[in-house]
Every structure is written in structure tokens, then in C-alpha cells.
């Protein structure tokens, strides 16, 4: 899901075909996989759902999450339905050498 062409269609289907409320589903990693998924996050938030954005430092745009949140604020989306977490960003770039270099 998410990065797939159908984005979060399965979650919309669950909402439309069951009695599970949107507040019982919490979308995560919504800020780091492209503009299409960010548009889905907007729809989800407008419908009353919650989203979490990864506090990532995107290699191309290290302010991607902040920029998205500022756009959402400008569009008057309810920011109280959005959280930001580090998720340790998957720890995929961490290394002992990098840690030593950053500590001086």
C-alpha cells in the first residue's frame, strides 16, 4: 500500500464497507513517499482520520515534512490530526563510522 498505484484505496474500501470508524485507523509514513500519497493524506484528514508523518531529512528536500505541514496549515487542515515521529527513519543510513564522525 501507500507507494502502490492504488495508494490507500484498500483503507477507503474498509471504511465504506464496514462499520470500522476512520478514527480506528492511523496512517503512518505519509510524508515520505510522494505527492500522490500526500494528497491521500489530505483526503484522510478531511474525512476525520489521523496521519503520521516521518520527521525525515529527505536527501533532495530536507524540509519536505515541514513544507507539507505548512501547506496543510495554509489550507486550514486540522493539524491536531497529524503527528510527526522519527521512526528512527528505518536506521538504514546509520553506521558506527557516521556516529563517530558526528560526535567529533
C-alpha atoms as a PDB file:
ATOM      1  CA  UNK A   1       0.000   0.000   0.000  1.00  0.00           C
ATOM      2  CA  UNK A   2       0.977   3.617   0.006  1.00  0.00           C
ATOM      3  CA  UNK A   3       3.508   3.643  -2.794  1.00  0.00           C
ATOM      4  CA  UNK A   4       1.439   1.237  -4.885  1.00  0.00           C
ATOM      5  CA  UNK A   5      -0.703   2.711  -7.673  1.00  0.00           C
ATOM      6  CA  UNK A   6      -3.839   2.147  -5.581  1.00  0.00           C
ATOM      7  CA  UNK A   7      -2.368   4.220  -2.697  1.00  0.00           C
ATOM      8  CA  UNK A   8      -4.742   3.750   0.279  1.00  0.00           C
ATOM      9  CA  UNK A   9      -7.761   2.526  -1.673  1.00  0.00           C
ATOM     10  CA  UNK A  10      -7.992  -0.624   0.476  1.00  0.00           C
ATOM     11  CA  UNK A  11      -8.416   1.504   3.590  1.00  0.00           C
ATOM     12  CA  UNK A  12     -11.150   3.564   1.924  1.00  0.00           C
ATOM     13  CA  UNK A  13     -12.816   0.299   0.964  1.00  0.00           C
ATOM     14  CA  UNK A  14     -12.703  -0.880   4.591  1.00  0.00           C
ATOM     15  CA  UNK A  15     -14.318   2.379   5.696  1.00  0.00           C
ATOM     16  CA  UNK A  16     -17.011   2.179   3.041  1.00  0.00           C
ATOM     17  CA  UNK A  17     -17.853  -1.490   3.530  1.00  0.00           C
ATOM     18  CA  UNK A  18     -17.607  -1.951   7.300  1.00  0.00           C
ATOM     19  CA  UNK A  19     -18.590  -0.161  10.473  1.00  0.00           C
ATOM     20  CA  UNK A  20     -14.967   0.448  11.478  1.00  0.00           C
ATOM     21  CA  UNK A  21     -14.630   4.180  12.154  1.00  0.00           C
ATOM     22  CA  UNK A  22     -11.858   6.171  10.498  1.00  0.00           C
ATOM     23  CA  UNK A  23     -10.525   7.095  13.950  1.00  0.00           C
ATOM     24  CA  UNK A  24      -9.541   3.446  14.474  1.00  0.00           C
ATOM     25  CA  UNK A  25      -7.011   3.555  11.649  1.00  0.00           C
ATOM     26  CA  UNK A  26      -3.823   5.565  11.894  1.00  0.00           C
ATOM     27  CA  UNK A  27      -1.905   6.154   8.673  1.00  0.00           C
ATOM     28  CA  UNK A  28       1.878   6.290   9.060  1.00  0.00           C
ATOM     29  CA  UNK A  29       4.841   7.197   6.838  1.00  0.00           C
ATOM     30  CA  UNK A  30       2.600   9.502   4.837  1.00  0.00           C
ATOM     31  CA  UNK A  31       5.119  12.239   4.089  1.00  0.00           C
ATOM     32  CA  UNK A  32       7.997  10.337   2.598  1.00  0.00           C
ATOM     33  CA  UNK A  33       6.557   8.569  -0.433  1.00  0.00           C
ATOM     34  CA  UNK A  34       5.500  11.203  -2.908  1.00  0.00           C
ATOM     35  CA  UNK A  35       2.954  13.895  -3.653  1.00  0.00           C
ATOM     36  CA  UNK A  36       0.170  11.447  -4.540  1.00  0.00           C
ATOM     37  CA  UNK A  37       0.277   9.970  -1.048  1.00  0.00           C
ATOM     38  CA  UNK A  38       0.299  13.432   0.500  1.00  0.00           C
ATOM     39  CA  UNK A  39      -2.907  14.167  -1.429  1.00  0.00           C
ATOM     40  CA  UNK A  40      -4.389  10.974   0.032  1.00  0.00           C
ATOM     41  CA  UNK A  41      -3.355  12.167   3.495  1.00  0.00           C
ATOM     42  CA  UNK A  42      -5.279  15.401   2.894  1.00  0.00           C
ATOM     43  CA  UNK A  43      -8.416  13.469   1.981  1.00  0.00           C
ATOM     44  CA  UNK A  44      -7.979  11.207   5.007  1.00  0.00           C
ATOM     45  CA  UNK A  45      -7.601  14.157   7.382  1.00  0.00           C
ATOM     46  CA  UNK A  46     -10.608  15.955   5.874  1.00  0.00           C
ATOM     47  CA  UNK A  47     -12.629  12.784   6.488  1.00  0.00           C
ATOM     48  CA  UNK A  48     -11.656  12.862  10.180  1.00  0.00           C
ATOM     49  CA  UNK A  49      -8.697  10.477  10.149  1.00  0.00           C
ATOM     50  CA  UNK A  50      -5.268  10.703  11.713  1.00  0.00           C
ATOM     51  CA  UNK A  51      -1.911  10.635   9.897  1.00  0.00           C
ATOM     52  CA  UNK A  52       1.680  10.423  10.994  1.00  0.00           C
ATOM     53  CA  UNK A  53       4.474  11.996   9.010  1.00  0.00           C
ATOM     54  CA  UNK A  54       8.043  10.845   9.327  1.00  0.00           C
ATOM     55  CA  UNK A  55      10.383  13.579  10.544  1.00  0.00           C
ATOM     56  CA  UNK A  56      12.770  12.696   7.805  1.00  0.00           C
ATOM     57  CA  UNK A  57      15.559  14.529   6.149  1.00  0.00           C
ATOM     58  CA  UNK A  58      14.812  13.758   2.539  1.00  0.00           C
ATOM     59  CA  UNK A  59      18.016  13.712   0.524  1.00  0.00           C
ATOM     60  CA  UNK A  60      16.553  16.017  -2.133  1.00  0.00           C
ATOM     61  CA  UNK A  61      14.479  18.248   0.157  1.00  0.00           C
ATOM     62  CA  UNK A  62      15.431  18.104   3.800  1.00  0.00           C
ATOM     63  CA  UNK A  63      12.395  20.227   4.690  1.00  0.00           C
ATOM     64  CA  UNK A  64       9.814  18.040   2.938  1.00  0.00           C
ATOM     65  CA  UNK A  65       7.756  17.272   6.057  1.00  0.00           C
ATOM     66  CA  UNK A  66       7.851  20.856   7.326  1.00  0.00           C
ATOM     67  CA  UNK A  67       6.914  22.171   3.885  1.00  0.00           C
ATOM     68  CA  UNK A  68       3.970  19.764   3.716  1.00  0.00           C
ATOM     69  CA  UNK A  69       2.751  20.748   7.181  1.00  0.00           C
ATOM     70  CA  UNK A  70       2.979  24.426   6.252  1.00  0.00           C
ATOM     71  CA  UNK A  71       0.900  23.758   3.123  1.00  0.00           C
ATOM     72  CA  UNK A  72      -1.669  21.879   5.201  1.00  0.00           C
ATOM     73  CA  UNK A  73      -1.817  24.773   7.671  1.00  0.00           C
ATOM     74  CA  UNK A  74      -2.285  27.265   4.818  1.00  0.00           C
ATOM     75  CA  UNK A  75      -5.153  25.103   3.541  1.00  0.00           C
ATOM     76  CA  UNK A  76      -6.647  25.170   7.059  1.00  0.00           C
ATOM     77  CA  UNK A  77      -6.452  21.410   7.544  1.00  0.00           C
ATOM     78  CA  UNK A  78      -6.771  20.384  11.216  1.00  0.00           C
ATOM     79  CA  UNK A  79      -3.132  19.895  12.268  1.00  0.00           C
ATOM     80  CA  UNK A  80      -4.303  18.278  15.522  1.00  0.00           C
ATOM     81  CA  UNK A  81      -4.968  15.171  13.411  1.00  0.00           C
ATOM     82  CA  UNK A  82      -1.323  14.945  12.357  1.00  0.00           C
ATOM     83  CA  UNK A  83       1.621  13.643  14.317  1.00  0.00           C
ATOM     84  CA  UNK A  84       5.291  13.697  13.404  1.00  0.00           C
ATOM     85  CA  UNK A  85       7.619  10.941  14.547  1.00  0.00           C
ATOM     86  CA  UNK A  86      11.187   9.974  13.817  1.00  0.00           C
ATOM     87  CA  UNK A  87      10.611   6.250  13.314  1.00  0.00           C
ATOM     88  CA  UNK A  88      14.423   6.259  13.562  1.00  0.00           C
ATOM     89  CA  UNK A  89      13.955   6.566   9.800  1.00  0.00           C
ATOM     90  CA  UNK A  90      14.486   2.846   9.489  1.00  0.00           C
ATOM     91  CA  UNK A  91      18.058   3.211  10.733  1.00  0.00           C
ATOM     92  CA  UNK A  92      19.182   2.305   7.224  1.00  0.00           C
ATOM     93  CA  UNK A  93      21.850   5.010   6.997  1.00  0.00           C
ATOM     94  CA  UNK A  94      23.250   4.605  10.485  1.00  0.00           C
ATOM     95  CA  UNK A  95      26.765   3.317  10.888  1.00  0.00           C
ATOM     96  CA  UNK A  96      29.351   3.307  13.647  1.00  0.00           C
ATOM     97  CA  UNK A  97      31.671   5.402  11.477  1.00  0.00           C
ATOM     98  CA  UNK A  98      28.976   8.012  10.842  1.00  0.00           C
ATOM     99  CA  UNK A  99      28.105   8.098  14.548  1.00  0.00           C
ATOM    100  CA  UNK A 100      31.758   8.638  15.493  1.00  0.00           C
ATOM    101  CA  UNK A 101      32.128  11.409  12.922  1.00  0.00           C
ATOM    102  CA  UNK A 102      29.046  13.223  14.188  1.00  0.00           C
ATOM    103  CA  UNK A 103      30.288  13.070  17.783  1.00  0.00           C
ATOM    104  CA  UNK A 104      33.541  14.823  16.957  1.00  0.00           C
END
